[in-house]
Amino acid sequence: MSRPLHRGVPAIRVTSSSNGLLDSQVKEQIEKEELDRNQSSHSRHRLTILLLKSSLVVIVILALTGSFWWTLSISTSSRGHIFHSSRRLQEQLVSDLWDIGELSFGTSRMKEIEFCPGELENYIPCFNVSENLDSGFSDGNEYDRVCRQGSRQNCLVLPPMNYKIPLRWPTGRYIIWVANVKITGQEVFTSGSLTKRMMMLEEEQISFRSASLMFDGVEDYSHQIAEMIGLRNESNFIQAGIRTILDIGCGYGSFGAHLFSEQILTICIANYESSGSQVQLTLERGLPAMIGSFSSKQLPHPSLSFDLLHCARCGIDWDKNDGSFLIEVDRVLRPGGYFVWTSPLINVQSSLRNKEKQKRWNFVRDFAENLCWELMSQQDETVVWKKTSKKTCYNSRISGSGPSICSKVQDVEFPYYRPLQNCIGGMHSRRWVPIEERATWPSRSNLNPSELALYGLHLDELNEDTANYRIIVRNYWSLLSPLIFSDHPKRPGDEDPSPPYNMLRNVLDMNARYGGLNAALLEARKSVWVMNVVPTTGPKYLPLILDRGYFGVLHDWCEAFPTYPRTYDMVHAEGLLSLESSQHWRCTMLDIFTEIDRMLRPEGWIIIRDAALLIDSARVLTRRLKWEARVIEIESNNDERLLICQKPFFKRQPS
């Protein structure tokens, strides 16, 4: 980084016979002159800024006052056009005031953000186990997400020393670079989870193609689950209404990786881990994953979100906490959906020899029955339950035999890390539709008019959104050429090469609205999945996104997203800055951008589409973040602009 330049002092010649007193006097004279000069310069600078600010404020007041009286004298038919032009002028004046405000803070305001220390290469705000322990958290609650005020580090996270850009799919789905993740050889070879052991360490790479020590492989395990549900094999999951799966404690994502080829979208959630993280390794493979815990709070998903929940030795004691963990499973599971649990506790022969195991298994089995789950099949260490499709089941239970139904006050459809409930949720939702009655994938993504009416939308609104994003994705793919930031001239007639279909493994859409970007990418046959995020401050269309067969989550962008650094290949934000601006900027634009930088892998892309004024402000911040950026005008909309950025690959220097 460049260092600030310092002015030199005037040269003063001193003879060799000069004594110490003369040296002291000369030094004092120099310091006094320099101080006087700095004070004079600073005073002039402040006076100039003050005059400029005062002048612009007077101009704004006069302009607005004159505009008001002038508007009264014009015809009603002309006011719309005049108001639009006046608004643009006012926005420009505000922009000028903003720029002068930036200048008044001096160069320190525009200084590039420093890199974080090396020990923060896997830094995740809101997850600090040691601090939680000091605060009295215990019994697994120390892994909870706690966003403390002022706990975020204002620095840019550097990748590990020997970090390499992940391999493209499909190869990168099964092979990752060892240096990119924090894991030891001991953790590779001693992991106890089923899917954790489906990996091999090979020099600089980790391969996930090896077989399990318990099963012949994840393919056979998936086949077994399908048969227990009553299907021929896992390729029939779609026909059974299964499209989205929540994989709890997923190991390293091999179950989801296998089902991805069957068009099954599997999202991994697991506790925060400082080393050997299930979530980090799954994300490094490019697969869907996020940090999540069942310990004390509800997941940031609406009720009735998933078709199947899976837990293979996931480390959760389902018999603990009065069954509240199972109640949370029931809340996010759709009617007619499945809960698959693999655990040594289920093994009948083992349980008969151990009374404690038998007691625990009996509790889970009886509690599941009181949740109106049907035990479909039990083989070896795996059991499959099916959630009821009929609400009448809950009224037919023996009084006092199970958890009660949540009241309308308790049954919040959009919980955001609320404490776990001890009552059955989702019963008051208008989205109570059994999975077997829903359209199968991919028809599910095109909701019918009656389904859209639940969200106050018309079919033409969704069709218009889809058509717009179809054009947007085509334009994005043209812009994301490897030469977009190149200064090398092209030969006459040459065009920029189009990026390959598998250039991106994943995209984080920070303001997903109806999931239009996700729909357009799939329609264009791009090999990519999308993390659709619905901001807590915006319209609550997350259930719509989930009902279309996509994955999504509720999030407050003034807090850190529950993921590891270097997670996503692309971050997309349309209208997010306008949304936060309408909330009077609860956090700064720089806070949001530093979080984007943390989540984005080196050489990843950022696309921001928003109001021209906000894009201009954002463009200034990209210099502080060291992003390579370009602003692109939108011909069809003069009020909006595109900001396309790429995060450089800064390699850490040996200490």
Foldseek 3Di string as FASTA:
>chain_A
DDDDDDDDFDDDDDDPPDDPVVVVVVVVVRVVVVVVVVVVVLVVVVVVLVVVLVVLVVVLVVLVVVVVVVLVPDDPVCVVVVVVVVVVVNLVSVLVNVVSVCPNVPCVSLAFFAADPQVCLWPFAQADLVVLVVVPDDPPCSLPRGHDPPPDDRHFRAFFFPDDDADFPPVLLFKFFPSRFFADPCCQCPDDFFQSVQWDDDVGMIGNNRAGPVDRHLQVVQQVVCVLVPHRGNLCCLVQLAAEEEEALPNQCPNQSVCVVSNHQYAYEYTDDPGSDSQVNNLSSLHHYFYDDLRWWAAQAFFQQGQEYEYGPNVDQCLPPVNLSVLSVLRNHAAFGKYKYFDQLLAPVVCVVPVVSVVSVVSVVQQCVLQVWAFRDGDGRMTMTTHHLDPVSNVPDDPPSYAAADDPVRQDRRDDGHTGDRHHHPPPDPPRGHSNPADGPPVQLQDDQVVVVSQVDGNVVVVVLLVVLLVVVVVVQQCPAPCNPPPDDDDPPDGGDGDDLRPWAEEEEQDCQQVNNQVNNVVVVRNYAYAYEHEPQDRPNSSNNSSSSHHYGYYHLLHAGRHTFQRGQEYEYECPVVSCVVVVNPDDPSSSVSSVSRNHHAFGKYKYKYFPSVVVVVVSCVVSNVWDWDKAQDPVDNRMIIIMTTHHNDRDDDD
